[in-house]
Amino acid sequence: MVEDELALFDKSINEFWNKFKSTVNDTSCQMAGLRDTYKDSIKALAEKLSVKLKEEERMVEMFLEYQNQICRQNKLIQDKKDNLLKLIAEVKGKKQQVEVLTANIQDLKEEYARKKETISSAKKSNEERLKRLQKSADLYKDRLGLEIRKIYVSDSAPHLECLAEFQENVRKTNNFSAFLANIRKAFTVMVHN
């Protein structure tokens, strides 16, 4: 009976061992399968992550490039804005200069008009005076035989000694009528003598 029991026990141990080996083999196979599946999953995940990482690096590079372009555009915009502000200031300065020049031109036009009017009235006054003087000269020529004409030497014919004194008086007083009256008296005295 001991032998039967030993054989049964031995059989039980062998069965247990075979079951254990089979379980361990199954578990090892399952573990190897899981390990291979895990490695494949990790490899696939690593590839996906690598692709994603490269995409993100490209996106970061593109972002940095866009940021640089935006900075350059902002600088260009600021430069153009500064230039525009300078031009606006220059235009305002030119407008002020134009306004000042326009005001000066208007003042000069008004002054010109006043001077033109003054010259015109002085011309009319001189024309009237010239007519009166011409009448007087014609009267002296017709009545007294005295001819008044322009000469280049300060003298008279016949010569009067007091002519220089009369000329000086007419320059001081600007009274031509008195000058002619004095000349007439001097000639009258000369003729009687």
N, C-alpha and C. Protein backbone atom coordinates (compact mmCIF):
# COMPACT_ATOMS: atom_id res chain seq x y z
N MET A 1 0.78 -1.15 0.00
CA MET A 1 0.00 0.00 0.00
C MET A 1 0.85 1.26 0.00
N VAL A 2 1.90 1.21 0.56
CA VAL A 2 2.81 2.35 0.61
C VAL A 2 3.31 2.60 -0.81
N GLU A 3 3.52 1.53 -1.49
CA GLU A 3 3.99 1.71 -2.85
C GLU A 3 2.88 2.31 -3.70
N ASP A 4 1.72 1.87 -3.49
CA ASP A 4 0.60 2.46 -4.23
C ASP A 4 0.45 3.94 -3.86
N GLU A 5 0.62 4.16 -2.62
CA GLU A 5 0.48 5.54 -2.18
C GLU A 5 1.63 6.36 -2.73
N LEU A 6 2.80 5.77 -2.75
CA LEU A 6 3.95 6.48 -3.27
C LEU A 6 3.75 6.69 -4.78
N ALA A 7 3.26 5.68 -5.45
CA ALA A 7 3.05 5.83 -6.88
C ALA A 7 1.98 6.87 -7.12
N LEU A 8 0.95 6.86 -6.33
CA LEU A 8 -0.11 7.85 -6.46
C LEU A 8 0.42 9.24 -6.15
N PHE A 9 1.23 9.28 -5.10
CA PHE A 9 1.82 10.56 -4.71
C PHE A 9 2.76 11.06 -5.81
N ASP A 10 3.54 10.10 -6.36
CA ASP A 10 4.46 10.45 -7.42
C ASP A 10 3.69 10.90 -8.64
N LYS A 11 2.61 10.22 -8.90
CA LYS A 11 1.78 10.61 -10.03
C LYS A 11 1.19 11.99 -9.79
N SER A 12 0.75 12.22 -8.56
CA SER A 12 0.19 13.53 -8.22
C SER A 12 1.25 14.61 -8.38
N ILE A 13 2.44 14.31 -7.96
CA ILE A 13 3.52 15.30 -8.06
C ILE A 13 3.82 15.55 -9.54
N ASN A 14 3.89 14.48 -10.32
CA ASN A 14 4.15 14.66 -11.75
C ASN A 14 3.03 15.46 -12.41
N GLU A 15 1.82 15.17 -12.04
CA GLU A 15 0.70 15.91 -12.62
C GLU A 15 0.80 17.39 -12.21
N PHE A 16 1.10 17.55 -10.91
CA PHE A 16 1.24 18.93 -10.43
C PHE A 16 2.37 19.63 -11.18
N TRP A 17 3.48 18.90 -11.34
CA TRP A 17 4.64 19.48 -12.02
C TRP A 17 4.28 19.79 -13.45
N ASN A 18 3.61 18.90 -14.13
CA ASN A 18 3.22 19.12 -15.52
C ASN A 18 2.25 20.31 -15.62
N LYS A 19 1.29 20.33 -14.68
CA LYS A 19 0.37 21.46 -14.67
C LYS A 19 1.12 22.75 -14.41
N PHE A 20 2.03 22.66 -13.43
CA PHE A 20 2.81 23.85 -13.06
C PHE A 20 3.64 24.31 -14.25
N LYS A 21 4.32 23.35 -14.94
CA LYS A 21 5.15 23.69 -16.10
C LYS A 21 4.27 24.26 -17.19
N SER A 22 3.14 23.61 -17.39
CA SER A 22 2.26 24.08 -18.43
C SER A 22 1.74 25.47 -18.08
N THR A 23 1.41 25.68 -16.81
CA THR A 23 0.94 27.00 -16.39
C THR A 23 2.06 28.01 -16.53
N VAL A 24 3.26 27.63 -16.12
CA VAL A 24 4.41 28.55 -16.22
C VAL A 24 4.69 28.82 -17.68
N ASN A 25 4.64 27.76 -18.51
CA ASN A 25 4.89 27.95 -19.94
C ASN A 25 3.82 28.86 -20.54
N ASP A 26 2.59 28.60 -20.19
CA ASP A 26 1.50 29.44 -20.69
C ASP A 26 1.71 30.88 -20.22
N THR A 27 2.04 31.01 -18.94
CA THR A 27 2.26 32.35 -18.38
C THR A 27 3.45 32.99 -19.05
N SER A 28 4.53 32.18 -19.29
CA SER A 28 5.72 32.73 -19.95
C SER A 28 5.37 33.17 -21.36
N CYS A 29 4.59 32.31 -22.03
CA CYS A 29 4.18 32.67 -23.39
C CYS A 29 3.31 33.92 -23.36
N GLN A 30 2.39 33.93 -22.39
CA GLN A 30 1.53 35.12 -22.27
C GLN A 30 2.38 36.33 -21.94
N MET A 31 3.35 36.17 -21.05
CA MET A 31 4.23 37.29 -20.65
C MET A 31 5.06 37.74 -21.85
N ALA A 32 5.55 36.74 -22.61
CA ALA A 32 6.34 37.10 -23.79
C ALA A 32 5.46 37.83 -24.79
N GLY A 33 4.24 37.32 -24.95
CA GLY A 33 3.30 37.97 -25.86
C GLY A 33 2.97 39.38 -25.39
N LEU A 34 2.72 39.48 -24.08
CA LEU A 34 2.44 40.81 -23.53
C LEU A 34 3.65 41.73 -23.68
N ARG A 35 4.85 41.12 -23.43
CA ARG A 35 6.08 41.92 -23.56
C ARG A 35 6.23 42.39 -25.01
N ASP A 36 6.01 41.48 -25.98
CA ASP A 36 6.14 41.86 -27.39
C ASP A 36 5.08 42.90 -27.76
N THR A 37 3.87 42.68 -27.27
CA THR A 37 2.80 43.64 -27.53
C THR A 37 3.16 45.00 -26.92
N TYR A 38 3.70 44.94 -25.69
CA TYR A 38 4.11 46.17 -25.00
C TYR A 38 5.21 46.88 -25.79
N LYS A 39 6.22 46.07 -26.25
CA LYS A 39 7.32 46.66 -27.04
C LYS A 39 6.77 47.27 -28.32
N ASP A 40 5.87 46.53 -28.99
CA ASP A 40 5.29 47.07 -30.23
C ASP A 40 4.49 48.34 -29.95
N SER A 41 3.72 48.33 -28.87
CA SER A 41 2.93 49.51 -28.51
C SER A 41 3.85 50.68 -28.20
N ILE A 42 4.92 50.40 -27.43
CA ILE A 42 5.88 51.46 -27.07
C ILE A 42 6.53 52.00 -28.34
N LYS A 43 6.93 51.09 -29.25
CA LYS A 43 7.57 51.50 -30.49
C LYS A 43 6.63 52.36 -31.32
N ALA A 44 5.37 51.91 -31.45
CA ALA A 44 4.38 52.68 -32.22
C ALA A 44 4.13 54.04 -31.55
N LEU A 45 4.02 54.02 -30.22
CA LEU A 45 3.81 55.26 -29.48
C LEU A 45 5.01 56.19 -29.64
N ALA A 46 6.21 55.59 -29.59
CA ALA A 46 7.43 56.40 -29.76
C ALA A 46 7.46 57.03 -31.14
N GLU A 47 7.08 56.24 -32.16
CA GLU A 47 7.03 56.79 -33.53
C GLU A 47 6.01 57.91 -33.63
N LYS A 48 4.83 57.67 -33.04
CA LYS A 48 3.79 58.71 -33.06
C LYS A 48 4.28 59.97 -32.34
N LEU A 49 4.90 59.75 -31.16
CA LEU A 49 5.42 60.89 -30.40
C LEU A 49 6.52 61.61 -31.17
N SER A 50 7.37 60.84 -31.86
CA SER A 50 8.43 61.44 -32.66
C SER A 50 7.83 62.31 -33.77
N VAL A 51 6.79 61.76 -34.45
CA VAL A 51 6.12 62.54 -35.49
C VAL A 51 5.49 63.79 -34.91
N LYS A 52 4.81 63.62 -33.77
CA LYS A 52 4.17 64.76 -33.10
C LYS A 52 5.21 65.80 -32.68
N LEU A 53 6.33 65.32 -32.15
CA LEU A 53 7.41 66.20 -31.70
C LEU A 53 7.95 67.00 -32.89
N LYS A 54 8.17 66.30 -34.03
CA LYS A 54 8.66 67.00 -35.22
C LYS A 54 7.63 68.03 -35.69
N GLU A 55 6.35 67.65 -35.67
CA GLU A 55 5.29 68.60 -36.05
C GLU A 55 5.29 69.80 -35.11
N GLU A 56 5.42 69.53 -33.82
CA GLU A 56 5.44 70.63 -32.84
C GLU A 56 6.66 71.51 -33.04
N GLU A 57 7.83 70.90 -33.35
CA GLU A 57 9.03 71.70 -33.61
C GLU A 57 8.82 72.58 -34.83
N ARG A 58 8.20 71.99 -35.90
CA ARG A 58 7.89 72.80 -37.09
C ARG A 58 6.92 73.91 -36.74
N MET A 59 5.92 73.59 -35.93
CA MET A 59 4.96 74.62 -35.52
C MET A 59 5.63 75.71 -34.72
N VAL A 60 6.55 75.33 -33.83
CA VAL A 60 7.29 76.33 -33.03
C VAL A 60 8.14 77.20 -33.95
N GLU A 61 8.82 76.55 -34.93
CA GLU A 61 9.63 77.32 -35.89
C GLU A 61 8.75 78.27 -36.69
N MET A 62 7.60 77.76 -37.15
CA MET A 62 6.68 78.62 -37.90
C MET A 62 6.17 79.76 -37.02
N PHE A 63 5.85 79.45 -35.77
CA PHE A 63 5.39 80.48 -34.84
C PHE A 63 6.46 81.54 -34.65
N LEU A 64 7.71 81.09 -34.46
CA LEU A 64 8.82 82.05 -34.28
C LEU A 64 9.01 82.89 -35.55
N GLU A 65 8.92 82.25 -36.72
CA GLU A 65 9.06 82.97 -37.97
C GLU A 65 7.94 84.01 -38.12
N TYR A 66 6.71 83.57 -37.82
CA TYR A 66 5.59 84.52 -37.89
C TYR A 66 5.77 85.65 -36.88
N GLN A 67 6.27 85.30 -35.71
CA GLN A 67 6.50 86.34 -34.69
C GLN A 67 7.55 87.33 -35.18
N ASN A 68 8.62 86.81 -35.82
CA ASN A 68 9.64 87.70 -36.38
C ASN A 68 9.06 88.58 -37.49
N GLN A 69 8.24 87.97 -38.35
CA GLN A 69 7.60 88.75 -39.41
C GLN A 69 6.70 89.83 -38.82
N ILE A 70 5.97 89.47 -37.79
CA ILE A 70 5.09 90.45 -37.13
C ILE A 70 5.92 91.58 -36.53
N CYS A 71 7.06 91.25 -35.91
CA CYS A 71 7.94 92.28 -35.34
C CYS A 71 8.46 93.20 -36.44
N ARG A 72 8.89 92.58 -37.57
CA ARG A 72 9.39 93.40 -38.69
C ARG A 72 8.27 94.28 -39.24
N GLN A 73 7.08 93.71 -39.40
CA GLN A 73 5.94 94.49 -39.91
C GLN A 73 5.59 95.62 -38.94
N ASN A 74 5.62 95.32 -37.64
CA ASN A 74 5.32 96.36 -36.64
C ASN A 74 6.35 97.47 -36.70
N LYS A 75 7.63 97.09 -36.91
CA LYS A 75 8.68 98.11 -37.02
C LYS A 75 8.47 98.95 -38.27
N LEU A 76 8.14 98.29 -39.40
CA LEU A 76 7.86 99.04 -40.63
C LEU A 76 6.66 99.97 -40.44
N ILE A 77 5.63 99.46 -39.79
CA ILE A 77 4.44 100.27 -39.53
C ILE A 77 4.81 101.47 -38.66
N GLN A 78 5.61 101.23 -37.62
CA GLN A 78 6.01 102.33 -36.73
C GLN A 78 6.86 103.36 -37.48
N ASP A 79 7.79 102.86 -38.34
CA ASP A 79 8.61 103.78 -39.13
C ASP A 79 7.73 104.62 -40.06
N LYS A 80 6.78 103.94 -40.73
CA LYS A 80 5.89 104.68 -41.63
C LYS A 80 5.03 105.66 -40.85
N LYS A 81 4.59 105.25 -39.66
CA LYS A 81 3.79 106.15 -38.82
C LYS A 81 4.61 107.37 -38.42
N ASP A 82 5.88 107.14 -38.03
CA ASP A 82 6.75 108.26 -37.66
C ASP A 82 6.97 109.19 -38.85
N ASN A 83 7.23 108.59 -40.02
CA ASN A 83 7.41 109.41 -41.23
C ASN A 83 6.14 110.19 -41.55
N LEU A 84 5.00 109.53 -41.40
CA LEU A 84 3.73 110.20 -41.66
C LEU A 84 3.52 111.36 -40.69
N LEU A 85 3.85 111.15 -39.42
CA LEU A 85 3.72 112.23 -38.43
C LEU A 85 4.64 113.40 -38.78
N LYS A 86 5.87 113.07 -39.25
CA LYS A 86 6.80 114.13 -39.66
C LYS A 86 6.22 114.90 -40.85
N LEU A 87 5.69 114.14 -41.82
CA LEU A 87 5.11 114.80 -42.99
C LEU A 87 3.92 115.67 -42.62
N ILE A 88 3.10 115.16 -41.70
CA ILE A 88 1.94 115.95 -41.24
C ILE A 88 2.42 117.23 -40.57
N ALA A 89 3.47 117.12 -39.74
CA ALA A 89 4.01 118.31 -39.08
C ALA A 89 4.56 119.29 -40.11
N GLU A 90 5.27 118.76 -41.13
CA GLU A 90 5.79 119.63 -42.18
C GLU A 90 4.66 120.31 -42.94
N VAL A 91 3.61 119.54 -43.24
CA VAL A 91 2.47 120.12 -43.96
C VAL A 91 1.82 121.22 -43.13
N LYS A 92 1.66 120.96 -41.81
CA LYS A 92 1.08 121.99 -40.94
C LYS A 92 1.96 123.23 -40.94
N GLY A 93 3.29 123.01 -40.87
CA GLY A 93 4.22 124.15 -40.91
C GLY A 93 4.11 124.91 -42.22
N LYS A 94 4.00 124.16 -43.32
CA LYS A 94 3.86 124.80 -44.63
C LYS A 94 2.54 125.56 -44.72
N LYS A 95 1.47 124.96 -44.16
CA LYS A 95 0.17 125.65 -44.18
C LYS A 95 0.27 126.96 -43.41
N GLN A 96 0.95 126.92 -42.25
CA GLN A 96 1.10 128.15 -41.47
C GLN A 96 1.91 129.17 -42.26
N GLN A 97 2.98 128.69 -42.94
CA GLN A 97 3.77 129.61 -43.74
C GLN A 97 2.93 130.20 -44.87
N VAL A 98 2.11 129.35 -45.49
CA VAL A 98 1.23 129.83 -46.57
C VAL A 98 0.26 130.87 -46.03
N GLU A 99 -0.30 130.59 -44.83
CA GLU A 99 -1.23 131.56 -44.24
C GLU A 99 -0.53 132.89 -43.96
N VAL A 100 0.69 132.81 -43.42
CA VAL A 100 1.45 134.04 -43.13
C VAL A 100 1.76 134.78 -44.43
N LEU A 101 2.22 133.99 -45.43
CA LEU A 101 2.54 134.62 -46.72
C LEU A 101 1.30 135.21 -47.38
N THR A 102 0.17 134.50 -47.26
CA THR A 102 -1.08 135.02 -47.82
C THR A 102 -1.47 136.32 -47.14
N ALA A 103 -1.33 136.35 -45.81
CA ALA A 103 -1.64 137.58 -45.08
C ALA A 103 -0.69 138.70 -45.50
N ASN A 104 0.61 138.37 -45.65
CA ASN A 104 1.59 139.38 -46.10
C ASN A 104 1.25 139.88 -47.50
N ILE A 105 0.87 138.94 -48.39
CA ILE A 105 0.51 139.33 -49.75
C ILE A 105 -0.71 140.24 -49.73
N GLN A 106 -1.69 139.90 -48.89
CA GLN A 106 -2.89 140.73 -48.79
C GLN A 106 -2.53 142.13 -48.28
N ASP A 107 -1.65 142.17 -47.25
CA ASP A 107 -1.21 143.47 -46.75
C ASP A 107 -0.49 144.27 -47.84
N LEU A 108 0.38 143.56 -48.59
CA LEU A 108 1.11 144.25 -49.66
C LEU A 108 0.16 144.73 -50.75
N LYS A 109 -0.87 143.92 -51.07
CA LYS A 109 -1.86 144.35 -52.07
C LYS A 109 -2.58 145.60 -51.60
N GLU A 110 -2.98 145.59 -50.32
CA GLU A 110 -3.68 146.76 -49.78
C GLU A 110 -2.77 147.98 -49.80
N GLU A 111 -1.50 147.78 -49.40
CA GLU A 111 -0.55 148.89 -49.40
C GLU A 111 -0.31 149.39 -50.83
N TYR A 112 -0.21 148.43 -51.78
CA TYR A 112 -0.03 148.79 -53.18
C TYR A 112 -1.22 149.61 -53.68
N ALA A 113 -2.43 149.14 -53.30
CA ALA A 113 -3.64 149.87 -53.73
C ALA A 113 -3.63 151.29 -53.15
N ARG A 114 -3.24 151.41 -51.85
CA ARG A 114 -3.17 152.76 -51.25
C ARG A 114 -2.13 153.63 -51.96
N LYS A 115 -0.95 153.04 -52.22
CA LYS A 115 0.10 153.81 -52.88
C LYS A 115 -0.30 154.17 -54.30
N LYS A 116 -0.96 153.22 -54.97
CA LYS A 116 -1.42 153.49 -56.34
C LYS A 116 -2.42 154.63 -56.33
N GLU A 117 -3.32 154.60 -55.34
CA GLU A 117 -4.31 155.67 -55.22
C GLU A 117 -3.62 157.00 -54.92
N THR A 118 -2.64 156.96 -54.03
CA THR A 118 -1.88 158.18 -53.69
C THR A 118 -1.15 158.70 -54.91
N ILE A 119 -0.52 157.77 -55.67
CA ILE A 119 0.20 158.18 -56.87
C ILE A 119 -0.76 158.75 -57.90
N SER A 120 -1.91 158.09 -58.02
CA SER A 120 -2.90 158.56 -58.98
C SER A 120 -3.38 159.97 -58.62
N SER A 121 -3.69 160.17 -57.34
CA SER A 121 -4.15 161.52 -56.94
C SER A 121 -3.02 162.53 -57.05
N ALA A 122 -1.77 162.11 -56.76
CA ALA A 122 -0.63 163.03 -56.91
C ALA A 122 -0.42 163.36 -58.39
N LYS A 123 -0.62 162.34 -59.25
CA LYS A 123 -0.47 162.57 -60.69
C LYS A 123 -1.52 163.56 -61.18
N LYS A 124 -2.78 163.36 -60.71
CA LYS A 124 -3.84 164.30 -61.11
C LYS A 124 -3.53 165.70 -60.61
N SER A 125 -3.06 165.76 -59.36
CA SER A 125 -2.72 167.07 -58.78
C SER A 125 -1.58 167.71 -59.57
N ASN A 126 -0.58 166.92 -59.94
CA ASN A 126 0.55 167.46 -60.72
C ASN A 126 0.11 167.89 -62.11
N GLU A 127 -0.82 167.10 -62.71
CA GLU A 127 -1.33 167.50 -64.03
C GLU A 127 -2.07 168.83 -63.95
N GLU A 128 -2.91 168.98 -62.90
CA GLU A 128 -3.64 170.24 -62.73
C GLU A 128 -2.66 171.40 -62.49
N ARG A 129 -1.65 171.15 -61.67
CA ARG A 129 -0.65 172.20 -61.38
C ARG A 129 0.12 172.54 -62.65
N LEU A 130 0.46 171.48 -63.44
CA LEU A 130 1.18 171.72 -64.68
C LEU A 130 0.33 172.56 -65.64
N LYS A 131 -0.99 172.27 -65.68
CA LYS A 131 -1.88 173.08 -66.53
C LYS A 131 -1.88 174.53 -66.06
N ARG A 132 -1.97 174.74 -64.74
CA ARG A 132 -1.96 176.11 -64.21
C ARG A 132 -0.63 176.80 -64.54
N LEU A 133 0.46 176.06 -64.36
CA LEU A 133 1.77 176.64 -64.65
C LEU A 133 1.91 176.96 -66.14
N GLN A 134 1.39 176.04 -66.96
CA GLN A 134 1.46 176.27 -68.41
C GLN A 134 0.64 177.51 -68.79
N LYS A 135 -0.54 177.66 -68.11
CA LYS A 135 -1.35 178.86 -68.35
C LYS A 135 -0.57 180.11 -67.97
N SER A 136 0.08 180.02 -66.78
CA SER A 136 0.87 181.17 -66.33
C SER A 136 2.00 181.46 -67.29
N ALA A 137 2.69 180.39 -67.75
CA ALA A 137 3.82 180.59 -68.68
C ALA A 137 3.30 181.20 -69.98
N ASP A 138 2.16 180.73 -70.47
CA ASP A 138 1.59 181.30 -71.69
C ASP A 138 1.21 182.76 -71.47
N LEU A 139 0.67 183.06 -70.29
CA LEU A 139 0.29 184.43 -69.96
C LEU A 139 1.52 185.33 -69.93
N TYR A 140 2.60 184.86 -69.27
CA TYR A 140 3.83 185.67 -69.21
C TYR A 140 4.40 185.87 -70.61
N LYS A 141 4.34 184.83 -71.42
CA LYS A 141 4.89 184.92 -72.76
C LYS A 141 4.06 185.89 -73.62
N ASP A 142 2.73 185.78 -73.52
CA ASP A 142 1.86 186.63 -74.33
C ASP A 142 1.88 188.08 -73.85
N ARG A 143 1.81 188.33 -72.55
CA ARG A 143 1.67 189.69 -72.01
C ARG A 143 3.00 190.40 -71.82
N LEU A 144 4.01 189.61 -71.31
CA LEU A 144 5.27 190.27 -70.99
C LEU A 144 6.37 189.96 -71.99
N GLY A 145 6.14 189.00 -72.84
CA GLY A 145 7.19 188.60 -73.77
C GLY A 145 8.27 187.80 -73.06
N LEU A 146 7.94 187.26 -71.87
CA LEU A 146 8.89 186.48 -71.07
C LEU A 146 8.72 185.01 -71.40
N GLU A 147 9.82 184.38 -71.83
CA GLU A 147 9.75 182.97 -72.18
C GLU A 147 10.46 182.15 -71.11
N ILE A 148 9.75 181.16 -70.60
CA ILE A 148 10.34 180.29 -69.58
C ILE A 148 10.63 178.96 -70.26
N ARG A 149 11.89 178.57 -70.24
CA ARG A 149 12.26 177.30 -70.84
C ARG A 149 13.34 176.64 -70.00
N LYS A 150 13.47 175.37 -70.23
CA LYS A 150 14.43 174.58 -69.48
C LYS A 150 15.81 174.77 -70.09
N ILE A 151 16.78 175.09 -69.23
CA ILE A 151 18.17 175.19 -69.70
C ILE A 151 19.04 174.38 -68.77
N TYR A 152 20.22 174.01 -69.25
CA TYR A 152 21.09 173.14 -68.45
C TYR A 152 22.05 173.94 -67.59
N VAL A 153 22.17 175.25 -67.79
CA VAL A 153 23.02 176.11 -66.93
C VAL A 153 22.10 177.05 -66.21
N SER A 154 22.30 177.27 -64.89
CA SER A 154 21.45 178.17 -64.10
C SER A 154 21.80 179.61 -64.44
N ASP A 155 21.06 180.16 -65.41
CA ASP A 155 21.32 181.54 -65.85
C ASP A 155 20.08 182.09 -66.52
N SER A 156 20.12 183.34 -66.87
CA SER A 156 19.01 183.98 -67.57
C SER A 156 19.59 184.87 -68.66
N ALA A 157 18.76 185.21 -69.59
CA ALA A 157 19.21 186.12 -70.63
C ALA A 157 18.21 187.28 -70.65
N PRO A 158 18.54 188.47 -70.41
CA PRO A 158 19.83 188.97 -69.91
C PRO A 158 20.13 188.48 -68.50
N HIS A 159 21.42 188.52 -68.15
CA HIS A 159 21.89 187.97 -66.89
C HIS A 159 21.44 188.83 -65.71
N LEU A 160 20.90 188.12 -64.64
CA LEU A 160 20.50 188.81 -63.41
C LEU A 160 21.47 188.41 -62.30
N GLU A 161 21.94 189.37 -61.55
CA GLU A 161 22.88 189.11 -60.47
C GLU A 161 22.19 188.41 -59.30
N CYS A 162 20.94 188.70 -59.11
CA CYS A 162 20.21 188.16 -57.95
C CYS A 162 19.54 186.81 -58.24
N LEU A 163 19.80 186.19 -59.38
CA LEU A 163 19.14 184.94 -59.77
C LEU A 163 19.45 183.81 -58.79
N ALA A 164 20.69 183.69 -58.32
CA ALA A 164 21.09 182.62 -57.38
C ALA A 164 20.30 182.75 -56.08
N GLU A 165 20.12 183.98 -55.63
CA GLU A 165 19.35 184.21 -54.39
C GLU A 165 17.89 183.80 -54.58
N PHE A 166 17.30 184.13 -55.76
CA PHE A 166 15.91 183.73 -56.03
C PHE A 166 15.76 182.20 -56.09
N GLN A 167 16.74 181.56 -56.71
CA GLN A 167 16.72 180.10 -56.81
C GLN A 167 16.78 179.45 -55.42
N GLU A 168 17.62 180.00 -54.57
CA GLU A 168 17.73 179.46 -53.21
C GLU A 168 16.41 179.64 -52.46
N ASN A 169 15.75 180.78 -52.63
CA ASN A 169 14.45 181.02 -51.97
C ASN A 169 13.38 180.04 -52.46
N VAL A 170 13.33 179.80 -53.79
CA VAL A 170 12.32 178.89 -54.31
C VAL A 170 12.58 177.45 -53.83
N ARG A 171 13.84 177.07 -53.63
CA ARG A 171 14.14 175.74 -53.09
C ARG A 171 13.67 175.62 -51.64
N LYS A 172 13.84 176.68 -50.87
CA LYS A 172 13.43 176.66 -49.46
C LYS A 172 11.92 176.71 -49.30
N THR A 173 11.28 177.62 -50.04
CA THR A 173 9.84 177.86 -49.84
C THR A 173 8.96 177.04 -50.77
N ASN A 174 9.52 176.63 -51.90
CA ASN A 174 8.77 175.88 -52.91
C ASN A 174 7.59 176.72 -53.45
N ASN A 175 7.78 178.03 -53.43
CA ASN A 175 6.75 178.95 -53.91
C ASN A 175 7.22 179.52 -55.26
N PHE A 176 6.79 178.84 -56.33
CA PHE A 176 7.22 179.22 -57.66
C PHE A 176 6.61 180.55 -58.12
N SER A 177 5.40 180.82 -57.67
CA SER A 177 4.74 182.09 -58.05
C SER A 177 5.55 183.28 -57.53
N ALA A 178 6.03 183.17 -56.27
CA ALA A 178 6.84 184.27 -55.71
C ALA A 178 8.15 184.41 -56.48
N PHE A 179 8.71 183.26 -56.90
CA PHE A 179 9.95 183.28 -57.69
C PHE A 179 9.75 184.05 -58.99
N LEU A 180 8.63 183.72 -59.69
CA LEU A 180 8.36 184.42 -60.95
C LEU A 180 8.11 185.92 -60.73
N ALA A 181 7.40 186.21 -59.63
CA ALA A 181 7.14 187.64 -59.34
C ALA A 181 8.45 188.38 -59.09
N ASN A 182 9.36 187.77 -58.35
CA ASN A 182 10.66 188.41 -58.06
C ASN A 182 11.48 188.58 -59.34
N ILE A 183 11.46 187.55 -60.22
CA ILE A 183 12.20 187.63 -61.48
C ILE A 183 11.63 188.78 -62.33
N ARG A 184 10.28 188.87 -62.39
CA ARG A 184 9.62 189.91 -63.18
C ARG A 184 10.03 191.30 -62.67
N LYS A 185 10.02 191.46 -61.35
CA LYS A 185 10.40 192.76 -60.76
C LYS A 185 11.86 193.08 -61.11
N ALA A 186 12.73 192.04 -61.03
CA ALA A 186 14.16 192.28 -61.32
C ALA A 186 14.34 192.70 -62.76
N PHE A 187 13.62 192.04 -63.71
CA PHE A 187 13.73 192.41 -65.12
C PHE A 187 13.15 193.82 -65.35
N THR A 188 12.05 194.13 -64.66
CA THR A 188 11.44 195.44 -64.82
C THR A 188 12.43 196.53 -64.37
N VAL A 189 13.08 196.32 -63.22
CA VAL A 189 14.06 197.29 -62.73
C VAL A 189 15.22 197.41 -63.72
N MET A 190 15.64 196.27 -64.27
CA MET A 190 16.77 196.29 -65.24
C MET A 190 16.41 197.07 -66.50
N VAL A 191 15.16 196.90 -66.96
CA VAL A 191 14.71 197.58 -68.17
C VAL A 191 14.62 199.09 -67.92
N HIS A 192 14.16 199.52 -66.78
CA HIS A 192 14.04 200.97 -66.46
C HIS A 192 15.38 201.63 -66.27
N ASN A 193 16.35 200.86 -65.83
CA ASN A 193 17.67 201.43 -65.64
C ASN A 193 18.36 201.53 -66.98
